[in-house]
C-alpha atoms as a PDB file:
ATOM      1  CA  UNK A   1      98.696  79.541 114.831  1.00  0.00           C
ATOM      2  CA  UNK A   2      98.692  80.435 111.171  1.00  0.00           C
ATOM      3  CA  UNK A   3     101.678  82.440 109.973  1.00  0.00           C
ATOM      4  CA  UNK A   4     100.748  85.514 107.949  1.00  0.00           C
ATOM      5  CA  UNK A   5     103.438  84.837 105.363  1.00  0.00           C
ATOM      6  CA  UNK A   6     101.858  81.447 104.559  1.00  0.00           C
ATOM      7  CA  UNK A   7      98.397  82.966 104.188  1.00  0.00           C
ATOM      8  CA  UNK A   8      99.733  85.821 102.088  1.00  0.00           C
ATOM      9  CA  UNK A   9     101.430  83.285  99.817  1.00  0.00           C
ATOM     10  CA  UNK A  10      98.119  81.467  99.335  1.00  0.00           C
ATOM     11  CA  UNK A  11      96.433  84.770  98.532  1.00  0.00           C
ATOM     12  CA  UNK A  12      99.061  85.682  95.946  1.00  0.00           C
ATOM     13  CA  UNK A  13      98.819  82.204  94.398  1.00  0.00           C
ATOM     14  CA  UNK A  14      95.072  82.753  94.044  1.00  0.00           C
ATOM     15  CA  UNK A  15      95.735  86.025  92.243  1.00  0.00           C
ATOM     16  CA  UNK A  16      98.207  84.340  89.904  1.00  0.00           C
ATOM     17  CA  UNK A  17      95.657  81.605  89.151  1.00  0.00           C
ATOM     18  CA  UNK A  18      93.027  84.265  88.399  1.00  0.00           C
ATOM     19  CA  UNK A  19      95.397  85.973  85.974  1.00  0.00           C
ATOM     20  CA  UNK A  20      96.058  89.113  87.995  1.00  0.00           C
ATOM     21  CA  UNK A  21      98.782  91.309  86.546  1.00  0.00           C
ATOM     22  CA  UNK A  22     102.375  91.255  87.734  1.00  0.00           C
ATOM     23  CA  UNK A  23     101.890  94.860  88.846  1.00  0.00           C
ATOM     24  CA  UNK A  24      98.933  93.895  91.073  1.00  0.00           C
ATOM     25  CA  UNK A  25     100.869  91.061  92.702  1.00  0.00           C
ATOM     26  CA  UNK A  26     103.893  93.310  93.212  1.00  0.00           C
ATOM     27  CA  UNK A  27     101.674  95.911  94.898  1.00  0.00           C
ATOM     28  CA  UNK A  28     100.283  93.290  97.286  1.00  0.00           C
ATOM     29  CA  UNK A  29     103.815  92.130  98.116  1.00  0.00           C
ATOM     30  CA  UNK A  30     104.820  95.704  98.885  1.00  0.00           C
ATOM     31  CA  UNK A  31     101.810  96.165 101.151  1.00  0.00           C
ATOM     32  CA  UNK A  32     102.554  92.920 103.001  1.00  0.00           C
ATOM     33  CA  UNK A  33     106.205  93.939 103.460  1.00  0.00           C
ATOM     34  CA  UNK A  34     105.179  97.296 104.960  1.00  0.00           C
ATOM     35  CA  UNK A  35     102.581  95.580 107.162  1.00  0.00           C
ATOM     36  CA  UNK A  36     105.256  93.217 108.491  1.00  0.00           C
ATOM     37  CA  UNK A  37     107.489  96.208 109.292  1.00  0.00           C
ATOM     38  CA  UNK A  38     104.597  97.741 111.207  1.00  0.00           C
ATOM     39  CA  UNK A  39     103.989  94.507 113.133  1.00  0.00           C
ATOM     40  CA  UNK A  40     107.659  94.282 114.056  1.00  0.00           C
ATOM     41  CA  UNK A  41     107.823  97.872 115.260  1.00  0.00           C
ATOM     42  CA  UNK A  42     104.554  97.469 117.178  1.00  0.00           C
ATOM     43  CA  UNK A  43     105.858  94.325 118.910  1.00  0.00           C
ATOM     44  CA  UNK A  44     103.172  92.138 117.381  1.00  0.00           C
ATOM     45  CA  UNK A  45     103.522  88.605 116.056  1.00  0.00           C
ATOM     46  CA  UNK A  46     103.205  87.797 112.364  1.00  0.00           C
ATOM     47  CA  UNK A  47     100.197  85.548 112.821  1.00  0.00           C
ATOM     48  CA  UNK A  48      96.628  85.636 111.536  1.00  0.00           C
ATOM     49  CA  UNK A  49      95.133  86.404 114.939  1.00  0.00           C
ATOM     50  CA  UNK A  50      96.875  89.812 114.819  1.00  0.00           C
ATOM     51  CA  UNK A  51      94.524  90.859 111.990  1.00  0.00           C
ATOM     52  CA  UNK A  52      92.213  92.804 114.281  1.00  0.00           C
ATOM     53  CA  UNK A  53      90.502  96.173 114.018  1.00  0.00           C
ATOM     54  CA  UNK A  54      92.983  97.598 116.518  1.00  0.00           C
ATOM     55  CA  UNK A  55      95.926  96.347 114.457  1.00  0.00           C
ATOM     56  CA  UNK A  56      94.491  97.754 111.232  1.00  0.00           C
ATOM     57  CA  UNK A  57      93.862 101.112 112.917  1.00  0.00           C
ATOM     58  CA  UNK A  58      97.449 101.070 114.131  1.00  0.00           C
ATOM     59  CA  UNK A  59      98.656 100.223 110.630  1.00  0.00           C
ATOM     60  CA  UNK A  60      96.653 103.132 109.186  1.00  0.00           C
ATOM     61  CA  UNK A  61      98.281 105.506 111.684  1.00  0.00           C
ATOM     62  CA  UNK A  62     101.701 104.000 110.918  1.00  0.00           C
ATOM     63  CA  UNK A  63     101.213 104.637 107.207  1.00  0.00           C
ATOM     64  CA  UNK A  64     100.267 108.257 107.850  1.00  0.00           C
ATOM     65  CA  UNK A  65     103.001 108.957 110.393  1.00  0.00           C
ATOM     66  CA  UNK A  66     106.135 107.143 109.221  1.00  0.00           C
ATOM     67  CA  UNK A  67     108.403 108.777 106.670  1.00  0.00           C
ATOM     68  CA  UNK A  68     109.167 107.215 103.311  1.00  0.00           C
ATOM     69  CA  UNK A  69     112.191 107.522 101.051  1.00  0.00           C
ATOM     70  CA  UNK A  70     111.062 110.932  99.835  1.00  0.00           C
ATOM     71  CA  UNK A  71     109.325 111.591  96.549  1.00  0.00           C
ATOM     72  CA  UNK A  72     108.719 115.014  95.012  1.00  0.00           C
ATOM     73  CA  UNK A  73     110.109 116.836  98.045  1.00  0.00           C
ATOM     74  CA  UNK A  74     108.119 115.088 100.761  1.00  0.00           C
ATOM     75  CA  UNK A  75     108.747 112.084 102.971  1.00  0.00           C
ATOM     76  CA  UNK A  76     105.070 111.660 103.831  1.00  0.00           C
ATOM     77  CA  UNK A  77     103.056 109.003 101.985  1.00  0.00           C
ATOM     78  CA  UNK A  78     100.443 110.242  99.596  1.00  0.00           C
ATOM     79  CA  UNK A  79      96.901 109.647 100.841  1.00  0.00           C
ATOM     80  CA  UNK A  80      96.195 107.582  97.722  1.00  0.00           C
ATOM     81  CA  UNK A  81      99.130 105.301  98.574  1.00  0.00           C
ATOM     82  CA  UNK A  82      97.937 104.922 102.161  1.00  0.00           C
ATOM     83  CA  UNK A  83      94.415 104.078 101.005  1.00  0.00           C
ATOM     84  CA  UNK A  84      95.816 101.577  98.498  1.00  0.00           C
ATOM     85  CA  UNK A  85      97.723  99.700 101.211  1.00  0.00           C
ATOM     86  CA  UNK A  86      94.663  99.655 103.468  1.00  0.00           C
ATOM     87  CA  UNK A  87      92.511  98.441 100.570  1.00  0.00           C
ATOM     88  CA  UNK A  88      94.999  95.616  99.950  1.00  0.00           C
ATOM     89  CA  UNK A  89      94.827  94.542 103.590  1.00  0.00           C
ATOM     90  CA  UNK A  90      91.029  94.722 103.581  1.00  0.00           C
ATOM     91  CA  UNK A  91      90.950  92.477 100.498  1.00  0.00           C
ATOM     92  CA  UNK A  92      93.313  89.983 102.152  1.00  0.00           C
ATOM     93  CA  UNK A  93      91.241  89.860 105.346  1.00  0.00           C
ATOM     94  CA  UNK A  94      88.008  89.489 103.393  1.00  0.00           C
ATOM     95  CA  UNK A  95      89.489  86.603 101.392  1.00  0.00           C
ATOM     96  CA  UNK A  96      90.837  84.915 104.551  1.00  0.00           C
ATOM     97  CA  UNK A  97      87.380  85.143 106.097  1.00  0.00           C
ATOM     98  CA  UNK A  98      85.702  83.721 102.964  1.00  0.00           C
ATOM     99  CA  UNK A  99      88.188  80.850 102.927  1.00  0.00           C
ATOM    100  CA  UNK A 100      87.605  80.054 106.600  1.00  0.00           C
ATOM    101  CA  UNK A 101      90.971  81.156 107.896  1.00  0.00           C
END
């Protein structure tokens, strides 16, 4: 069983090695933190085998439905933010697949 946190660390190390910006790495960390919150609330384990279509669909719904700290008078995430988090997860999953994880 591969722990997600270990795989995420490898992914972030790859980005550092490629020269990705601090802002990019920080965004990935934020996405992973929110994904872990979703997994916890959904009663799922933080392991690689949880990276399924059903889990990602659940995460997408979670992003749309859970309130945030409130920016510009709303507690709903902006659609661009939601898409950014989903794009980050898609990139992680694609990389894990390419690396044989």
